[in-house]
Amino acid sequence: MRRALILLALLSLTAAGCATLAPDATDAPIRYRCQAGKGFTAAYALHGKRVVVTAGGITRTLKLARSGSGARYTAGQAEIWGKGPAATLKGFPGGPYLDCSSQ
């Protein structure tokens, strides 16, 4: 009986370790604070291929784009470009959001 309980516990841990996020899941939103008291949030989705940005009272989904350095996401005129904790955001009401840092 004890062996069966141990085996069951090990199988539960193994199954939990194999769990993956749904393909459209987003990470918890990251808050950015920018110069002039501005701010926005960004939640990365689809393993970094998209980001959902909320700024200036609107929310948009931006797709991963080519970048020489850092990570860049675009959708029309909207663009977020980040490297490490730093980012800039353009194309949203109240922008541009410059010299931003994740909190």
C-alpha atoms as a PDB file:
ATOM      1  CA  MET A   1       0.000   0.000   0.000  1.00  0.00           C
ATOM      2  CA  ARG A   2       2.778   2.421   0.907  1.00  0.00           C
ATOM      3  CA  ARG A   3       4.569   1.738  -2.393  1.00  0.00           C
ATOM      4  CA  ALA A   4       1.362   2.426  -4.296  1.00  0.00           C
ATOM      5  CA  LEU A   5       0.965   5.807  -2.549  1.00  0.00           C
ATOM      6  CA  ILE A   6       4.575   6.747  -3.295  1.00  0.00           C
ATOM      7  CA  LEU A   7       4.181   5.732  -6.931  1.00  0.00           C
ATOM      8  CA  LEU A   8       0.950   7.721  -7.192  1.00  0.00           C
ATOM      9  CA  ALA A   9       2.659  10.787  -5.702  1.00  0.00           C
ATOM     10  CA  LEU A  10       5.570  10.490  -8.152  1.00  0.00           C
ATOM     11  CA  LEU A  11       3.197  10.168 -11.108  1.00  0.00           C
ATOM     12  CA  SER A  12       1.308  13.273  -9.967  1.00  0.00           C
ATOM     13  CA  LEU A  13       4.516  15.297  -9.751  1.00  0.00           C
ATOM     14  CA  THR A  14       5.658  14.083 -13.166  1.00  0.00           C
ATOM     15  CA  ALA A  15       2.321  14.984 -14.768  1.00  0.00           C
ATOM     16  CA  ALA A  16       2.376  18.429 -13.159  1.00  0.00           C
ATOM     17  CA  GLY A  17       5.871  19.042 -14.522  1.00  0.00           C
ATOM     18  CA  CYS A  18       4.702  18.215 -18.043  1.00  0.00           C
ATOM     19  CA  ALA A  19       1.853  20.726 -18.012  1.00  0.00           C
ATOM     20  CA  THR A  20       2.157  23.519 -20.559  1.00  0.00           C
ATOM     21  CA  LEU A  21       0.356  26.798 -21.080  1.00  0.00           C
ATOM     22  CA  ALA A  22      -2.459  27.026 -23.560  1.00  0.00           C
ATOM     23  CA  PRO A  23      -1.126  28.319 -26.895  1.00  0.00           C
ATOM     24  CA  ASP A  24      -2.900  31.660 -26.493  1.00  0.00           C
ATOM     25  CA  ALA A  25      -2.085  32.169 -22.794  1.00  0.00           C
ATOM     26  CA  THR A  26      -0.472  35.410 -21.702  1.00  0.00           C
ATOM     27  CA  ASP A  27       2.049  35.964 -18.961  1.00  0.00           C
ATOM     28  CA  ALA A  28       1.101  38.258 -16.108  1.00  0.00           C
ATOM     29  CA  PRO A  29       1.106  41.877 -17.286  1.00  0.00           C
ATOM     30  CA  ILE A  30       4.324  43.810 -16.767  1.00  0.00           C
ATOM     31  CA  ARG A  31       3.901  47.423 -15.639  1.00  0.00           C
ATOM     32  CA  TYR A  32       6.144  50.029 -17.221  1.00  0.00           C
ATOM     33  CA  ARG A  33       6.747  53.505 -15.799  1.00  0.00           C
ATOM     34  CA  CYS A  34       7.931  56.181 -18.210  1.00  0.00           C
ATOM     35  CA  GLN A  35       9.128  59.785 -18.202  1.00  0.00           C
ATOM     36  CA  ALA A  36       6.535  62.518 -17.532  1.00  0.00           C
ATOM     37  CA  GLY A  37       4.599  60.137 -15.238  1.00  0.00           C
ATOM     38  CA  LYS A  38       3.258  58.027 -18.116  1.00  0.00           C
ATOM     39  CA  GLY A  39       2.843  54.263 -17.960  1.00  0.00           C
ATOM     40  CA  PHE A  40       1.495  51.168 -19.696  1.00  0.00           C
ATOM     41  CA  THR A  41       1.197  47.400 -19.273  1.00  0.00           C
ATOM     42  CA  ALA A  42       2.370  44.593 -21.547  1.00  0.00           C
ATOM     43  CA  ALA A  43       1.469  40.889 -21.341  1.00  0.00           C
ATOM     44  CA  TYR A  44       3.470  38.578 -23.583  1.00  0.00           C
ATOM     45  CA  ALA A  45       1.636  35.712 -25.288  1.00  0.00           C
ATOM     46  CA  LEU A  46       2.233  32.719 -27.542  1.00  0.00           C
ATOM     47  CA  HIS A  47       5.729  32.142 -26.187  1.00  0.00           C
ATOM     48  CA  GLY A  48       6.845  35.693 -26.997  1.00  0.00           C
ATOM     49  CA  LYS A  49       5.346  35.928 -30.485  1.00  0.00           C
ATOM     50  CA  ARG A  50       2.726  38.492 -29.438  1.00  0.00           C
ATOM     51  CA  VAL A  51       2.247  41.106 -26.754  1.00  0.00           C
ATOM     52  CA  VAL A  52      -0.999  42.610 -25.486  1.00  0.00           C
ATOM     53  CA  VAL A  53      -0.371  46.276 -24.623  1.00  0.00           C
ATOM     54  CA  THR A  54      -2.706  48.577 -22.709  1.00  0.00           C
ATOM     55  CA  ALA A  55      -1.919  52.301 -22.819  1.00  0.00           C
ATOM     56  CA  GLY A  56      -3.902  55.509 -23.102  1.00  0.00           C
ATOM     57  CA  GLY A  57      -7.158  53.675 -22.389  1.00  0.00           C
ATOM     58  CA  ILE A  58      -6.899  51.187 -25.280  1.00  0.00           C
ATOM     59  CA  THR A  59      -5.602  47.631 -25.661  1.00  0.00           C
ATOM     60  CA  ARG A  60      -3.905  46.273 -28.779  1.00  0.00           C
ATOM     61  CA  THR A  61      -2.198  43.028 -29.696  1.00  0.00           C
ATOM     62  CA  LEU A  62       1.157  43.504 -31.427  1.00  0.00           C
ATOM     63  CA  LYS A  63       3.114  40.842 -33.316  1.00  0.00           C
ATOM     64  CA  LEU A  64       6.814  40.090 -33.034  1.00  0.00           C
ATOM     65  CA  ALA A  65       8.797  42.017 -35.682  1.00  0.00           C
ATOM     66  CA  ARG A  66      12.400  42.097 -36.878  1.00  0.00           C
ATOM     67  CA  SER A  67      14.819  43.870 -34.601  1.00  0.00           C
ATOM     68  CA  GLY A  68      18.541  44.536 -34.709  1.00  0.00           C
ATOM     69  CA  SER A  69      18.676  44.449 -30.919  1.00  0.00           C
ATOM     70  CA  GLY A  70      16.130  43.683 -28.208  1.00  0.00           C
ATOM     71  CA  ALA A  71      12.519  42.694 -28.843  1.00  0.00           C
ATOM     72  CA  ARG A  72      10.248  44.679 -31.167  1.00  0.00           C
ATOM     73  CA  TYR A  73       6.495  44.200 -31.675  1.00  0.00           C
ATOM     74  CA  THR A  74       4.278  46.104 -34.128  1.00  0.00           C
ATOM     75  CA  ALA A  75       0.706  46.498 -35.378  1.00  0.00           C
ATOM     76  CA  GLY A  76       0.123  49.335 -37.813  1.00  0.00           C
ATOM     77  CA  GLN A  77       1.595  52.488 -36.261  1.00  0.00           C
ATOM     78  CA  ALA A  78       1.796  50.902 -32.791  1.00  0.00           C
ATOM     79  CA  GLU A  79       5.223  49.691 -31.704  1.00  0.00           C
ATOM     80  CA  ILE A  80       6.845  48.526 -28.491  1.00  0.00           C
ATOM     81  CA  TRP A  81      10.587  48.086 -28.465  1.00  0.00           C
ATOM     82  CA  GLY A  82      12.342  46.737 -25.423  1.00  0.00           C
ATOM     83  CA  LYS A  83      15.663  45.473 -24.211  1.00  0.00           C
ATOM     84  CA  GLY A  84      15.999  44.113 -20.702  1.00  0.00           C
ATOM     85  CA  PRO A  85      13.841  46.212 -18.349  1.00  0.00           C
ATOM     86  CA  ALA A  86      13.823  49.249 -20.710  1.00  0.00           C
ATOM     87  CA  ALA A  87      11.166  49.942 -23.364  1.00  0.00           C
ATOM     88  CA  THR A  88       9.603  52.602 -25.579  1.00  0.00           C
ATOM     89  CA  LEU A  89       6.036  52.593 -26.862  1.00  0.00           C
ATOM     90  CA  LYS A  90       4.615  54.518 -29.828  1.00  0.00           C
ATOM     91  CA  GLY A  91       1.248  54.683 -31.588  1.00  0.00           C
ATOM     92  CA  PHE A  92      -0.969  54.766 -28.485  1.00  0.00           C
ATOM     93  CA  PRO A  93      -2.993  57.714 -27.125  1.00  0.00           C
ATOM     94  CA  GLY A  94      -0.941  59.884 -24.786  1.00  0.00           C
ATOM     95  CA  GLY A  95       2.322  58.698 -26.370  1.00  0.00           C
ATOM     96  CA  PRO A  96       5.004  58.370 -27.204  1.00  0.00           C
ATOM     97  CA  TYR A  97       5.996  56.599 -23.981  1.00  0.00           C
ATOM     98  CA  LEU A  98       9.734  57.189 -23.668  1.00  0.00           C
ATOM     99  CA  ASP A  99      12.445  56.070 -21.234  1.00  0.00           C
ATOM    100  CA  CYS A 100      10.216  53.388 -19.734  1.00  0.00           C
ATOM    101  CA  SER A 101      11.331  50.808 -17.202  1.00  0.00           C
ATOM    102  CA  SER A 102       9.532  47.677 -15.995  1.00  0.00           C
ATOM    103  CA  GLN A 103       8.392  47.736 -12.377  1.00  0.00           C
END
